[in-house]
Amino acid sequence: MGLVSLVSRLSQGDVVVGTFVYLGSPDVVELLGEAGVDFVIIDMEHGYFGFSDVCELVRAAGVVGVAPVVRVPSSEETYILRALECGALGVQVPHVDDPETARRVVEAAHYYPEGMRGFSPYTRAGRYGARTPRAHVEASNRDTAVIIHIESAEGVRRLPEILGGGGVDVVFLGPYDLSQSLGIPGEVTDPRVTGLIESGIKAARERGVAVGTFVETVDAAAEWAAKGVQYIAYSVDVAIFYRAVREIVKSVKDRVSRTKPGKH
């Protein structure tokens, strides 16, 4: 299967659904793809893996036709470059709360004339030199999704400035960090947090930029999609597996306890 461009899908108005990957196993990425996710966010900020692992996870995503996005540890240019050289179709950059950081992220993620990404046609992204430099530049600039995390009240307030320079494909509004910035860490359903997210949605959509957020229930996904969110990150691989196993084990033990023969 070929990799799916998130940029084209979002520009068409599609709602896409994925999840964060903390487990550094290509099998997990393939499993998620077989289950139907549109994208995976390979999380280098909270995950425990390096770039060699990232390349294998990106490769696994390609096997099942899932768009691989890498959440880099920070906005440093070298992190963005190395994630894209692995063949990622997007970078998700944490803590972009001012226009200058946004400008540097966009520049690092694109080749000239959109940016000044370090250039080698001999990487995995360049198919090891199998396609021409021009074709590589054109495809990368067309298909690379630049996703910025807005994780503070100040970042939401400054969104018009942050997006003023262009080049951002998705504004990701992180509820947990937003809650922390408001002094209520973890209270992601508090009206102050949801109100901040709604303000961010409005500011981004007014500038024609897609919006993403993190959800932990189907109801929340539907509610945010109805408010204009297109890029839905549903939970984290470890949480999904934990909850599924917990429910299975609980159900089995409950059923067994009801059917267990009585003592004689």
C-alpha atoms as a PDB file:
ATOM      1  CA  MET A   1       0.000   0.000   0.000  1.00  0.00           C
ATOM      2  CA  GLY A   2       1.163   3.567  -0.653  1.00  0.00           C
ATOM      3  CA  LEU A   3       1.409   6.212   2.010  1.00  0.00           C
ATOM      4  CA  VAL A   4      -1.573   8.540   2.285  1.00  0.00           C
ATOM      5  CA  SER A   5      -0.987  12.302   2.185  1.00  0.00           C
ATOM      6  CA  LEU A   6      -2.684  13.966   5.124  1.00  0.00           C
ATOM      7  CA  VAL A   7      -2.271  17.358   3.472  1.00  0.00           C
ATOM      8  CA  SER A   8      -4.488  16.411   0.538  1.00  0.00           C
ATOM      9  CA  ARG A   9      -7.097  14.695   2.715  1.00  0.00           C
ATOM     10  CA  LEU A  10      -7.382  17.614   5.122  1.00  0.00           C
ATOM     11  CA  SER A  11      -7.563  20.125   2.276  1.00  0.00           C
ATOM     12  CA  GLN A  12     -10.532  18.152   0.928  1.00  0.00           C
ATOM     13  CA  GLY A  13     -12.283  18.501   4.287  1.00  0.00           C
ATOM     14  CA  ASP A  14     -11.840  14.899   5.433  1.00  0.00           C
ATOM     15  CA  VAL A  15     -11.868  14.006   9.116  1.00  0.00           C
ATOM     16  CA  VAL A  16      -8.956  11.676   9.849  1.00  0.00           C
ATOM     17  CA  VAL A  17      -8.510   9.496  12.925  1.00  0.00           C
ATOM     18  CA  GLY A  18      -5.289   8.198  14.421  1.00  0.00           C
ATOM     19  CA  THR A  19      -3.530   7.586  17.693  1.00  0.00           C
ATOM     20  CA  PHE A  20      -0.274   8.284  19.486  1.00  0.00           C
ATOM     21  CA  VAL A  21       2.328   5.517  19.488  1.00  0.00           C
ATOM     22  CA  TYR A  22       4.454   5.138  22.616  1.00  0.00           C
ATOM     23  CA  LEU A  23       5.431   1.503  22.037  1.00  0.00           C
ATOM     24  CA  GLY A  24       8.455   1.189  19.772  1.00  0.00           C
ATOM     25  CA  SER A  25       7.252  -1.888  17.922  1.00  0.00           C
ATOM     26  CA  PRO A  26       6.598  -1.981  14.163  1.00  0.00           C
ATOM     27  CA  ASP A  27       4.058  -4.728  14.872  1.00  0.00           C
ATOM     28  CA  VAL A  28       1.980  -2.244  16.856  1.00  0.00           C
ATOM     29  CA  VAL A  29       1.961   0.207  13.954  1.00  0.00           C
ATOM     30  CA  GLU A  30       0.950  -2.519  11.507  1.00  0.00           C
ATOM     31  CA  LEU A  31      -1.774  -3.709  13.885  1.00  0.00           C
ATOM     32  CA  LEU A  32      -3.160  -0.176  14.149  1.00  0.00           C
ATOM     33  CA  GLY A  33      -3.142   0.136  10.386  1.00  0.00           C
ATOM     34  CA  GLU A  34      -4.981  -3.131   9.950  1.00  0.00           C
ATOM     35  CA  ALA A  35      -7.531  -1.820  12.463  1.00  0.00           C
ATOM     36  CA  GLY A  36      -8.209   1.145  10.186  1.00  0.00           C
ATOM     37  CA  VAL A  37      -6.430   4.217  11.577  1.00  0.00           C
ATOM     38  CA  ASP A  38      -5.600   6.947   9.067  1.00  0.00           C
ATOM     39  CA  PHE A  39      -2.386   8.050  10.749  1.00  0.00           C
ATOM     40  CA  VAL A  40      -0.085   7.281  13.659  1.00  0.00           C
ATOM     41  CA  ILE A  41       1.783   9.862  15.712  1.00  0.00           C
ATOM     42  CA  ILE A  42       5.144   8.334  16.594  1.00  0.00           C
ATOM     43  CA  ASP A  43       5.793  10.141  19.845  1.00  0.00           C
ATOM     44  CA  MET A  44       9.436  11.014  20.491  1.00  0.00           C
ATOM     45  CA  GLU A  45       8.504  13.528  23.182  1.00  0.00           C
ATOM     46  CA  HIS A  46       6.978  10.952  25.535  1.00  0.00           C
ATOM     47  CA  GLY A  47       8.033   7.672  23.920  1.00  0.00           C
ATOM     48  CA  TYR A  48      11.238   5.832  24.736  1.00  0.00           C
ATOM     49  CA  PHE A  49      12.794   5.393  21.299  1.00  0.00           C
ATOM     50  CA  GLY A  50      15.405   6.968  19.019  1.00  0.00           C
ATOM     51  CA  PHE A  51      15.557   7.702  15.316  1.00  0.00           C
ATOM     52  CA  SER A  52      16.553   4.179  14.291  1.00  0.00           C
ATOM     53  CA  ASP A  53      13.325   2.973  15.898  1.00  0.00           C
ATOM     54  CA  VAL A  54      11.377   5.807  14.271  1.00  0.00           C
ATOM     55  CA  CYS A  55      12.546   4.743  10.810  1.00  0.00           C
ATOM     56  CA  GLU A  56      11.299   1.211  11.418  1.00  0.00           C
ATOM     57  CA  LEU A  57       7.939   2.489  12.662  1.00  0.00           C
ATOM     58  CA  VAL A  58       7.615   4.745   9.609  1.00  0.00           C
ATOM     59  CA  ARG A  59       8.429   1.786   7.372  1.00  0.00           C
ATOM     60  CA  ALA A  60       5.750  -0.302   9.103  1.00  0.00           C
ATOM     61  CA  ALA A  61       3.203   2.460   8.542  1.00  0.00           C
ATOM     62  CA  GLY A  62       3.949   2.335   4.825  1.00  0.00           C
ATOM     63  CA  VAL A  63       3.245  -1.394   4.724  1.00  0.00           C
ATOM     64  CA  VAL A  64      -0.355  -0.810   5.827  1.00  0.00           C
ATOM     65  CA  GLY A  65      -0.937   2.512   4.038  1.00  0.00           C
ATOM     66  CA  VAL A  66      -1.044   4.621   7.194  1.00  0.00           C
ATOM     67  CA  ALA A  67       0.333   8.164   7.239  1.00  0.00           C
ATOM     68  CA  PRO A  68       3.297   8.307   9.643  1.00  0.00           C
ATOM     69  CA  VAL A  69       3.626  11.511  11.661  1.00  0.00           C
ATOM     70  CA  VAL A  70       6.521  12.012  14.073  1.00  0.00           C
ATOM     71  CA  ARG A  71       6.081  14.129  17.177  1.00  0.00           C
ATOM     72  CA  VAL A  72       9.635  15.357  17.569  1.00  0.00           C
ATOM     73  CA  PRO A  73      11.090  16.099  21.032  1.00  0.00           C
ATOM     74  CA  SER A  74      11.321  19.844  20.361  1.00  0.00           C
ATOM     75  CA  SER A  75      11.331  22.405  17.562  1.00  0.00           C
ATOM     76  CA  GLU A  76      15.060  22.006  16.906  1.00  0.00           C
ATOM     77  CA  GLU A  77      15.810  21.864  13.195  1.00  0.00           C
ATOM     78  CA  THR A  78      17.860  18.662  13.411  1.00  0.00           C
ATOM     79  CA  TYR A  79      14.958  16.741  14.964  1.00  0.00           C
ATOM     80  CA  ILE A  80      12.570  17.842  12.233  1.00  0.00           C
ATOM     81  CA  LEU A  81      15.083  17.025   9.502  1.00  0.00           C
ATOM     82  CA  ARG A  82      15.898  13.550  10.786  1.00  0.00           C
ATOM     83  CA  ALA A  83      12.231  12.629  11.250  1.00  0.00           C
ATOM     84  CA  LEU A  84      11.468  13.610   7.672  1.00  0.00           C
ATOM     85  CA  GLU A  85      14.544  11.866   6.300  1.00  0.00           C
ATOM     86  CA  CYS A  86      13.117   8.630   7.729  1.00  0.00           C
ATOM     87  CA  GLY A  87      10.186   9.126   5.369  1.00  0.00           C
ATOM     88  CA  ALA A  88       7.618  10.594   7.753  1.00  0.00           C
ATOM     89  CA  LEU A  89       4.745  12.351   6.013  1.00  0.00           C
ATOM     90  CA  GLY A  90       4.404  14.874   8.806  1.00  0.00           C
ATOM     91  CA  VAL A  91       6.078  16.392  11.818  1.00  0.00           C
ATOM     92  CA  GLN A  92       4.148  17.320  14.920  1.00  0.00           C
ATOM     93  CA  VAL A  93       6.107  19.898  16.892  1.00  0.00           C
ATOM     94  CA  PRO A  94       5.439  20.560  20.591  1.00  0.00           C
ATOM     95  CA  HIS A  95       5.244  23.925  22.333  1.00  0.00           C
ATOM     96  CA  VAL A  96       4.917  26.271  19.376  1.00  0.00           C
ATOM     97  CA  ASP A  97       3.648  29.310  21.208  1.00  0.00           C
ATOM     98  CA  ASP A  98       5.090  32.227  19.237  1.00  0.00           C
ATOM     99  CA  PRO A  99       5.413  33.316  15.588  1.00  0.00           C
ATOM    100  CA  GLU A 100       9.204  32.944  15.433  1.00  0.00           C
ATOM    101  CA  THR A 101       9.101  29.297  16.487  1.00  0.00           C
ATOM    102  CA  ALA A 102       6.366  28.608  13.930  1.00  0.00           C
ATOM    103  CA  ARG A 103       8.445  30.263  11.200  1.00  0.00           C
ATOM    104  CA  ARG A 104      11.499  28.145  12.055  1.00  0.00           C
ATOM    105  CA  VAL A 105       9.425  24.950  12.068  1.00  0.00           C
ATOM    106  CA  VAL A 106       7.940  25.657   8.634  1.00  0.00           C
ATOM    107  CA  GLU A 107      11.353  26.523   7.229  1.00  0.00           C
ATOM    108  CA  ALA A 108      12.929  23.351   8.637  1.00  0.00           C
ATOM    109  CA  ALA A 109      10.174  21.124   7.221  1.00  0.00           C
ATOM    110  CA  HIS A 110      10.221  22.365   3.614  1.00  0.00           C
ATOM    111  CA  TYR A 111      12.710  22.757   0.812  1.00  0.00           C
ATOM    112  CA  TYR A 112      13.174  25.998  -1.107  1.00  0.00           C
ATOM    113  CA  PRO A 113      11.125  28.036  -1.961  1.00  0.00           C
ATOM    114  CA  GLU A 114       8.834  27.150   0.964  1.00  0.00           C
ATOM    115  CA  GLY A 115      11.753  26.667   3.372  1.00  0.00           C
ATOM    116  CA  MET A 116      15.383  25.722   3.753  1.00  0.00           C
ATOM    117  CA  ARG A 117      15.299  22.072   4.849  1.00  0.00           C
ATOM    118  CA  GLY A 118      18.703  20.397   4.721  1.00  0.00           C
ATOM    119  CA  PHE A 119      18.970  18.646   1.373  1.00  0.00           C
ATOM    120  CA  SER A 120      20.234  15.189   0.484  1.00  0.00           C
ATOM    121  CA  PRO A 121      18.543  13.091  -2.202  1.00  0.00           C
ATOM    122  CA  TYR A 122      20.125   9.894  -0.836  1.00  0.00           C
ATOM    123  CA  THR A 123      18.031   9.387   2.292  1.00  0.00           C
ATOM    124  CA  ARG A 124      15.090   7.035   2.761  1.00  0.00           C
ATOM    125  CA  ALA A 125      12.798  10.006   2.092  1.00  0.00           C
ATOM    126  CA  GLY A 126      14.598  10.524  -1.229  1.00  0.00           C
ATOM    127  CA  ARG A 127      14.328   6.803  -2.012  1.00  0.00           C
ATOM    128  CA  TYR A 128      18.096   6.535  -1.703  1.00  0.00           C
ATOM    129  CA  GLY A 129      18.566   8.530  -4.906  1.00  0.00           C
ATOM    130  CA  ALA A 130      16.091   6.472  -6.966  1.00  0.00           C
ATOM    131  CA  ARG A 131      14.063   9.552  -7.871  1.00  0.00           C
ATOM    132  CA  THR A 132      15.389  12.835  -9.157  1.00  0.00           C
ATOM    133  CA  PRO A 133      16.186  15.635  -6.705  1.00  0.00           C
ATOM    134  CA  ARG A 134      13.508  17.765  -8.334  1.00  0.00           C
ATOM    135  CA  ALA A 135      10.848  15.073  -7.927  1.00  0.00           C
ATOM    136  CA  HIS A 136      11.864  14.590  -4.298  1.00  0.00           C
ATOM    137  CA  VAL A 137      11.624  18.321  -3.551  1.00  0.00           C
ATOM    138  CA  GLU A 138       8.240  18.653  -5.239  1.00  0.00           C
ATOM    139  CA  ALA A 139       6.752  15.602  -3.521  1.00  0.00           C
ATOM    140  CA  SER A 140       8.110  16.558  -0.103  1.00  0.00           C
ATOM    141  CA  ASN A 141       6.896  20.141  -0.262  1.00  0.00           C
ATOM    142  CA  ARG A 142       3.484  18.964  -1.466  1.00  0.00           C
ATOM    143  CA  ASP A 143       2.929  16.091   0.960  1.00  0.00           C
ATOM    144  CA  THR A 144       4.721  17.007   4.205  1.00  0.00           C
ATOM    145  CA  ALA A 145       2.238  18.002   6.910  1.00  0.00           C
ATOM    146  CA  VAL A 146       3.434  20.638   9.369  1.00  0.00           C
ATOM    147  CA  ILE A 147       1.505  20.212  12.606  1.00  0.00           C
ATOM    148  CA  ILE A 148       2.135  22.560  15.507  1.00  0.00           C
ATOM    149  CA  HIS A 149       1.144  21.880  19.097  1.00  0.00           C
ATOM    150  CA  ILE A 150      -0.463  24.816  20.862  1.00  0.00           C
ATOM    151  CA  GLU A 151      -0.129  23.949  24.534  1.00  0.00           C
ATOM    152  CA  SER A 152      -0.640  27.180  26.454  1.00  0.00           C
ATOM    153  CA  ALA A 153      -3.242  29.877  26.866  1.00  0.00           C
ATOM    154  CA  GLU A 154      -0.682  32.329  25.520  1.00  0.00           C
ATOM    155  CA  GLY A 155      -0.260  30.221  22.392  1.00  0.00           C
ATOM    156  CA  VAL A 156      -4.002  30.246  21.738  1.00  0.00           C
ATOM    157  CA  ARG A 157      -4.107  34.007  22.244  1.00  0.00           C
ATOM    158  CA  ARG A 158      -1.279  34.480  19.744  1.00  0.00           C
ATOM    159  CA  LEU A 159      -2.613  32.079  17.109  1.00  0.00           C
ATOM    160  CA  PRO A 160      -3.401  34.836  14.570  1.00  0.00           C
ATOM    161  CA  GLU A 161       0.250  35.919  14.749  1.00  0.00           C
ATOM    162  CA  ILE A 162       1.581  32.366  14.775  1.00  0.00           C
ATOM    163  CA  LEU A 163      -0.355  31.494  11.614  1.00  0.00           C
ATOM    164  CA  GLY A 164       0.370  34.805   9.928  1.00  0.00           C
ATOM    165  CA  GLY A 165       3.476  33.522   8.177  1.00  0.00           C
ATOM    166  CA  GLY A 166       1.698  30.577   6.520  1.00  0.00           C
ATOM    167  CA  GLY A 167       3.023  27.079   6.007  1.00  0.00           C
ATOM    168  CA  VAL A 168       1.182  25.401   8.900  1.00  0.00           C
ATOM    169  CA  ASP A 169      -1.192  22.593   7.900  1.00  0.00           C
ATOM    170  CA  VAL A 170      -2.664  21.669  11.295  1.00  0.00           C
ATOM    171  CA  VAL A 171      -2.991  23.446  14.623  1.00  0.00           C
ATOM    172  CA  PHE A 172      -3.074  20.767  17.317  1.00  0.00           C
ATOM    173  CA  LEU A 173      -4.703  21.942  20.542  1.00  0.00           C
ATOM    174  CA  GLY A 174      -3.403  19.749  23.361  1.00  0.00           C
ATOM    175  CA  PRO A 175      -5.998  19.615  26.169  1.00  0.00           C
ATOM    176  CA  TYR A 176      -3.692  18.239  28.861  1.00  0.00           C
ATOM    177  CA  ASP A 177      -1.022  20.903  28.445  1.00  0.00           C
ATOM    178  CA  LEU A 178      -3.672  23.579  28.046  1.00  0.00           C
ATOM    179  CA  SER A 179      -5.186  22.487  31.345  1.00  0.00           C
ATOM    180  CA  GLN A 180      -1.791  22.752  32.987  1.00  0.00           C
ATOM    181  CA  SER A 181      -1.225  26.224  31.575  1.00  0.00           C
ATOM    182  CA  LEU A 182      -4.494  27.267  33.215  1.00  0.00           C
ATOM    183  CA  GLY A 183      -3.440  25.861  36.588  1.00  0.00           C
ATOM    184  CA  ILE A 184      -5.876  22.935  36.493  1.00  0.00           C
ATOM    185  CA  PRO A 185      -3.692  20.050  35.253  1.00  0.00           C
ATOM    186  CA  GLY A 186      -5.647  17.060  33.990  1.00  0.00           C
ATOM    187  CA  GLU A 187      -9.048  18.776  34.112  1.00  0.00           C
ATOM    188  CA  VAL A 188      -9.458  18.504  30.354  1.00  0.00           C
ATOM    189  CA  THR A 189     -13.267  18.745  30.389  1.00  0.00           C
ATOM    190  CA  ASP A 190     -13.285  21.909  32.489  1.00  0.00           C
ATOM    191  CA  PRO A 191     -15.117  24.711  30.629  1.00  0.00           C
ATOM    192  CA  ARG A 192     -11.995  26.864  30.800  1.00  0.00           C
ATOM    193  CA  VAL A 193     -10.070  24.247  28.836  1.00  0.00           C
ATOM    194  CA  THR A 194     -12.806  23.456  26.340  1.00  0.00           C
ATOM    195  CA  GLY A 195     -13.431  27.176  25.889  1.00  0.00           C
ATOM    196  CA  LEU A 196      -9.767  27.701  25.072  1.00  0.00           C
ATOM    197  CA  ILE A 197      -9.888  24.892  22.522  1.00  0.00           C
ATOM    198  CA  GLU A 198     -12.974  26.423  20.921  1.00  0.00           C
ATOM    199  CA  SER A 199     -11.165  29.766  20.678  1.00  0.00           C
ATOM    200  CA  GLY A 200      -8.248  28.020  18.988  1.00  0.00           C
ATOM    201  CA  ILE A 201     -10.539  26.268  16.521  1.00  0.00           C
ATOM    202  CA  LYS A 202     -12.110  29.579  15.564  1.00  0.00           C
ATOM    203  CA  ALA A 203      -8.765  31.348  15.092  1.00  0.00           C
ATOM    204  CA  ALA A 204      -7.301  28.536  12.981  1.00  0.00           C
ATOM    205  CA  ARG A 205     -10.320  27.991  10.774  1.00  0.00           C
ATOM    206  CA  GLU A 206     -10.618  31.708  10.078  1.00  0.00           C
ATOM    207  CA  ARG A 207      -7.185  31.387   8.458  1.00  0.00           C
ATOM    208  CA  GLY A 208      -8.014  28.194   6.573  1.00  0.00           C
ATOM    209  CA  VAL A 209      -5.866  25.951   8.762  1.00  0.00           C
ATOM    210  CA  ALA A 210      -7.085  22.516   9.873  1.00  0.00           C
ATOM    211  CA  VAL A 211      -7.408  21.755  13.582  1.00  0.00           C
ATOM    212  CA  GLY A 212      -6.510  18.689  15.608  1.00  0.00           C
ATOM    213  CA  THR A 213      -7.001  17.637  19.200  1.00  0.00           C
ATOM    214  CA  PHE A 214      -6.657  14.681  21.547  1.00  0.00           C
ATOM    215  CA  VAL A 215      -9.700  12.698  22.685  1.00  0.00           C
ATOM    216  CA  GLU A 216     -10.288   9.678  24.886  1.00  0.00           C
ATOM    217  CA  THR A 217     -13.882   8.788  24.024  1.00  0.00           C
ATOM    218  CA  VAL A 218     -15.955   8.335  20.901  1.00  0.00           C
ATOM    219  CA  ASP A 219     -18.408  10.960  22.164  1.00  0.00           C
ATOM    220  CA  ALA A 220     -15.633  13.522  22.543  1.00  0.00           C
ATOM    221  CA  ALA A 221     -14.379  12.747  19.029  1.00  0.00           C
ATOM    222  CA  ALA A 222     -17.843  13.310  17.577  1.00  0.00           C
ATOM    223  CA  GLU A 223     -18.352  16.516  19.558  1.00  0.00           C
ATOM    224  CA  TRP A 224     -15.064  18.071  18.467  1.00  0.00           C
ATOM    225  CA  ALA A 225     -15.550  16.976  14.862  1.00  0.00           C
ATOM    226  CA  ALA A 226     -18.920  18.745  14.888  1.00  0.00           C
ATOM    227  CA  LYS A 227     -17.079  21.893  16.001  1.00  0.00           C
ATOM    228  CA  GLY A 228     -14.631  21.731  13.137  1.00  0.00           C
ATOM    229  CA  VAL A 229     -11.806  19.432  14.265  1.00  0.00           C
ATOM    230  CA  GLN A 230     -10.516  17.309  11.364  1.00  0.00           C
ATOM    231  CA  TYR A 231      -7.392  15.669  12.807  1.00  0.00           C
ATOM    232  CA  ILE A 232      -8.508  13.492  15.705  1.00  0.00           C
ATOM    233  CA  ALA A 233      -5.890  11.759  17.835  1.00  0.00           C
ATOM    234  CA  TYR A 234      -7.751   9.094  19.767  1.00  0.00           C
ATOM    235  CA  SER A 235      -5.857   8.187  22.917  1.00  0.00           C
ATOM    236  CA  VAL A 236      -2.483   6.408  23.021  1.00  0.00           C
ATOM    237  CA  ASP A 237      -1.578   2.861  22.037  1.00  0.00           C
ATOM    238  CA  VAL A 238      -0.720   1.838  25.608  1.00  0.00           C
ATOM    239  CA  ALA A 239      -4.020   3.196  26.961  1.00  0.00           C
ATOM    240  CA  ILE A 240      -6.039   1.498  24.235  1.00  0.00           C
ATOM    241  CA  PHE A 241      -4.403  -1.862  24.916  1.00  0.00           C
ATOM    242  CA  TYR A 242      -4.658  -1.484  28.683  1.00  0.00           C
ATOM    243  CA  ARG A 243      -8.356  -0.644  28.613  1.00  0.00           C
ATOM    244  CA  ALA A 244      -9.158  -3.428  26.158  1.00  0.00           C
ATOM    245  CA  VAL A 245      -7.293  -6.060  28.186  1.00  0.00           C
ATOM    246  CA  ARG A 246      -8.751  -4.801  31.463  1.00  0.00           C
ATOM    247  CA  GLU A 247     -12.288  -5.093  30.129  1.00  0.00           C
ATOM    248  CA  ILE A 248     -11.666  -8.548  28.679  1.00  0.00           C
ATOM    249  CA  VAL A 249     -10.128  -9.882  31.878  1.00  0.00           C
ATOM    250  CA  LYS A 250     -12.886  -8.370  34.012  1.00  0.00           C
ATOM    251  CA  SER A 251     -15.584  -9.836  31.757  1.00  0.00           C
ATOM    252  CA  VAL A 252     -13.986 -13.281  31.747  1.00  0.00           C
ATOM    253  CA  LYS A 253     -13.575 -13.335  35.532  1.00  0.00           C
ATOM    254  CA  ASP A 254     -17.155 -12.142  36.054  1.00  0.00           C
ATOM    255  CA  ARG A 255     -18.495 -14.821  33.709  1.00  0.00           C
ATOM    256  CA  VAL A 256     -16.343 -17.553  35.257  1.00  0.00           C
ATOM    257  CA  SER A 257     -17.412 -16.620  38.762  1.00  0.00           C
ATOM    258  CA  ARG A 258     -21.064 -16.977  37.755  1.00  0.00           C
ATOM    259  CA  THR A 259     -20.609 -20.322  36.036  1.00  0.00           C
ATOM    260  CA  LYS A 260     -18.114 -21.949  38.372  1.00  0.00           C
ATOM    261  CA  PRO A 261     -19.534 -25.233  39.760  1.00  0.00           C
ATOM    262  CA  GLY A 262     -20.430 -25.103  43.420  1.00  0.00           C
ATOM    263  CA  LYS A 263     -18.434 -27.017  45.996  1.00  0.00           C
ATOM    264  CA  HIS A 264     -19.732 -30.478  46.992  1.00  0.00           C
END
